[in-house]
Amino acid sequence: MRAKNYRAVKGQSYTRREFVKGFPPPKITKFTMGDTKAKFEYEARLIALKRAQIRHNALEAARVATNRVLMDKLVSNYLMRVLPYPHVILRENKMIFGAHADRLQDGMRRSFGKPIGTAARIESDQALIIVNVNADHVELAKEALRRGSSKLPVPCRIIIEKTEMEEAETVG
């Protein structure tokens, strides 16, 4: 099984878990890391440039790579969120190749396939990972997102924006 086979978005999504027996749960379990209550000055976003499917283990690898850089340097002075959820169930019609394999397989007869994993369908210009940091850690957030993007099967770009902070303390 190659991940490249599941990258293209083809056909209708297959998401009805109540009808599927024995599919593996997604490897990614934590979608929000860091300090959820603090306010931060800047937001760095990892944006996908193409439409694709991202497998659950690629999302988990990107989350771990991004979070490791941020945790080493900032401990918990950041907020990181992984946005896409892997809903689409992937199937594979397993074939056995080699000597005497013709006795064990049926080719394309009854070839619906067994569930092997899950994937998230993403559109172009969709945010995948968002990191909120203060002004002095913007470059670190950029580096963390760059390392996370290398684990994903789509080309990505990083956008940094200043967040609107509420001016509630200025009472005249």
Protein backbone atom coordinates (compact mmCIF):
# COMPACT_ATOMS: atom_id res chain seq x y z
CA MET A 1 0.00 0.00 0.00
CA ARG A 2 1.37 3.38 -0.98
CA ALA A 3 0.09 6.67 0.37
CA LYS A 4 0.34 8.17 -3.13
CA ASN A 5 -2.58 5.97 -4.22
CA TYR A 6 -4.93 7.77 -1.80
CA ARG A 7 -3.80 11.37 -2.37
CA ALA A 8 -6.10 12.24 -5.28
CA VAL A 9 -9.70 13.14 -4.45
CA LYS A 10 -11.75 10.67 -6.49
CA GLY A 11 -15.42 9.85 -6.27
CA GLN A 12 -17.85 10.29 -3.46
CA SER A 13 -16.49 10.31 0.07
CA TYR A 14 -17.02 7.14 2.09
CA THR A 15 -17.78 8.29 5.65
CA ARG A 16 -20.68 6.29 7.11
CA ARG A 17 -18.94 4.53 9.99
CA GLU A 18 -22.08 2.84 11.25
CA PHE A 19 -22.06 0.61 8.15
CA VAL A 20 -18.34 -0.22 8.23
CA LYS A 21 -17.02 -3.04 10.37
CA GLY A 22 -13.51 -2.92 11.79
CA PHE A 23 -12.01 0.28 10.44
CA PRO A 24 -8.93 1.55 12.30
CA PRO A 25 -9.42 4.72 14.39
CA PRO A 26 -7.47 7.82 13.30
CA LYS A 27 -3.95 8.10 14.71
CA ILE A 28 -4.36 11.80 15.41
CA THR A 29 -6.19 12.31 18.70
CA LYS A 30 -5.12 15.76 19.97
CA PHE A 31 -6.13 18.67 17.79
CA THR A 32 -5.38 21.57 20.20
CA MET A 33 -2.07 22.03 22.03
CA GLY A 34 -0.52 24.78 24.15
CA ASP A 35 -2.23 27.50 26.18
CA THR A 36 -5.90 27.70 25.15
CA LYS A 37 -6.84 30.60 27.44
CA ALA A 38 -4.10 33.14 26.61
CA LYS A 39 -4.33 35.89 23.97
CA PHE A 40 -1.59 36.07 21.37
CA GLU A 41 -0.49 38.86 19.02
CA TYR A 42 0.25 36.88 15.84
CA GLU A 43 -1.33 33.97 13.99
CA ALA A 44 0.70 31.78 11.62
CA ARG A 45 -1.29 29.53 9.27
CA LEU A 46 -0.21 26.62 7.12
CA ILE A 47 -2.26 26.82 3.90
CA ALA A 48 -2.63 23.97 1.38
CA LEU A 49 -2.10 25.02 -2.24
CA LYS A 50 -3.81 22.02 -3.88
CA ARG A 51 -6.92 19.91 -3.35
CA ALA A 52 -6.03 16.50 -1.93
CA GLN A 53 -6.66 13.83 0.67
CA ILE A 54 -4.30 13.72 3.64
CA ARG A 55 -4.07 10.41 5.50
CA HIS A 56 -4.44 10.37 9.26
CA ASN A 57 -0.84 9.29 9.85
CA ALA A 58 0.47 12.24 7.78
CA LEU A 59 -1.64 14.65 9.85
CA GLU A 60 -0.28 13.09 13.04
CA ALA A 61 3.32 13.32 11.77
CA ALA A 62 2.84 17.00 10.90
CA ARG A 63 1.29 17.68 14.32
CA VAL A 64 4.17 15.99 16.15
CA ALA A 65 6.87 17.74 14.09
CA THR A 66 5.30 21.18 14.56
CA ASN A 67 4.53 20.71 18.23
CA ARG A 68 8.02 19.42 19.06
CA VAL A 69 9.69 22.62 17.82
CA LEU A 70 7.21 24.81 19.70
CA MET A 71 7.35 22.83 22.96
CA ASP A 72 11.16 22.74 23.07
CA LYS A 73 11.49 26.52 22.84
CA LEU A 74 8.21 27.97 24.19
CA VAL A 75 7.11 25.26 26.68
CA SER A 76 3.41 26.33 26.69
CA ASN A 77 3.49 29.97 25.54
CA TYR A 78 1.70 29.20 22.24
CA LEU A 79 -1.56 27.81 20.86
CA MET A 80 -1.53 25.27 18.04
CA ARG A 81 -4.61 23.82 16.34
CA VAL A 82 -4.88 21.14 13.66
CA LEU A 83 -8.02 21.91 11.68
CA PRO A 84 -8.90 19.05 9.27
CA TYR A 85 -10.45 15.89 10.73
CA PRO A 86 -9.95 12.57 8.90
CA HIS A 87 -13.54 11.50 8.11
CA VAL A 88 -13.10 9.64 4.83
CA ILE A 89 -12.61 5.88 5.24
CA LEU A 90 -10.02 4.41 2.84
CA ARG A 91 -10.43 0.90 1.44
CA GLU A 92 -8.02 -1.52 -0.17
CA ASN A 93 -8.63 -4.66 -2.21
CA LYS A 94 -5.71 -6.75 -0.98
CA MET A 95 -3.97 -8.86 -3.60
CA ILE A 96 -1.26 -11.46 -3.02
CA PHE A 97 1.46 -11.72 -5.63
CA GLY A 98 4.05 -14.41 -6.09
CA ALA A 99 4.13 -18.15 -6.65
CA HIS A 100 0.73 -19.89 -6.38
CA ALA A 101 -0.98 -16.62 -5.51
CA ASP A 102 -3.66 -17.32 -8.11
CA ARG A 103 -5.32 -19.74 -5.66
CA LEU A 104 -5.72 -17.07 -2.97
CA GLN A 105 -7.17 -14.12 -4.86
CA ASP A 106 -10.21 -13.39 -7.00
CA GLY A 107 -8.94 -10.38 -8.97
CA MET A 108 -11.72 -7.85 -9.45
CA ARG A 109 -14.52 -10.18 -8.34
CA ARG A 110 -16.05 -8.82 -5.08
CA SER A 111 -13.42 -6.05 -5.04
CA PHE A 112 -15.09 -3.53 -2.69
CA GLY A 113 -12.11 -3.63 -0.31
CA LYS A 114 -11.51 -3.65 3.42
CA PRO A 115 -11.03 -0.46 5.46
CA ILE A 116 -7.35 0.37 6.03
CA GLY A 117 -7.39 3.90 7.43
CA THR A 118 -8.93 7.35 7.30
CA ALA A 119 -8.15 10.58 5.46
CA ALA A 120 -9.15 14.24 5.49
CA ARG A 121 -10.26 15.88 2.26
CA ILE A 122 -8.87 19.38 1.91
CA GLU A 123 -9.46 22.09 -0.64
CA SER A 124 -6.92 24.51 -2.06
CA ASP A 125 -6.31 27.59 0.13
CA GLN A 126 -7.62 25.76 3.21
CA ALA A 127 -5.81 26.23 6.54
CA LEU A 128 -4.36 23.00 7.92
CA ILE A 129 -2.49 24.08 11.07
CA ILE A 130 -2.80 27.38 12.96
CA VAL A 131 -0.17 28.54 15.48
CA ASN A 132 -0.78 31.59 17.70
CA VAL A 133 2.32 33.22 19.26
CA ASN A 134 3.54 36.57 20.53
CA ALA A 135 5.67 38.98 18.44
CA ASP A 136 9.07 37.73 19.60
CA HIS A 137 8.35 34.10 18.55
CA VAL A 138 7.01 34.60 15.00
CA GLU A 139 10.14 33.20 13.35
CA LEU A 140 9.97 30.11 15.55
CA ALA A 141 6.35 29.53 14.53
CA LYS A 142 7.39 29.83 10.88
CA GLU A 143 10.12 27.23 11.34
CA ALA A 144 7.75 24.89 13.18
CA LEU A 145 5.15 25.11 10.40
CA ARG A 146 7.84 24.58 7.76
CA ARG A 147 8.90 21.35 9.46
CA GLY A 148 5.29 20.24 9.76
CA SER A 149 4.59 20.96 6.09
CA SER A 150 7.38 18.61 5.02
CA LYS A 151 5.32 15.72 6.46
CA LEU A 152 2.26 16.54 4.34
CA PRO A 153 1.67 15.30 0.77
CA VAL A 154 0.56 18.70 -0.61
CA PRO A 155 2.53 21.87 -1.29
CA CYS A 156 1.88 24.46 1.43
CA ARG A 157 2.59 28.09 2.20
CA ILE A 158 2.81 29.92 5.51
CA ILE A 159 0.83 33.11 6.15
CA ILE A 160 1.43 35.31 9.21
CA GLU A 161 -1.17 37.84 10.33
CA LYS A 162 -1.52 40.13 13.31
CA THR A 163 -4.58 39.25 15.39
CA GLU A 164 -7.03 41.89 16.55
CA MET A 165 -6.58 42.28 20.30
CA GLU A 166 -9.56 43.62 22.25
CA GLU A 167 -8.95 47.06 23.74
CA ALA A 168 -11.13 46.47 26.80
CA GLU A 169 -8.65 47.96 29.27
CA THR A 170 -8.89 51.52 27.84
CA VAL A 171 -11.68 53.04 29.92
CA GLY A 172 -11.68 56.83 29.56
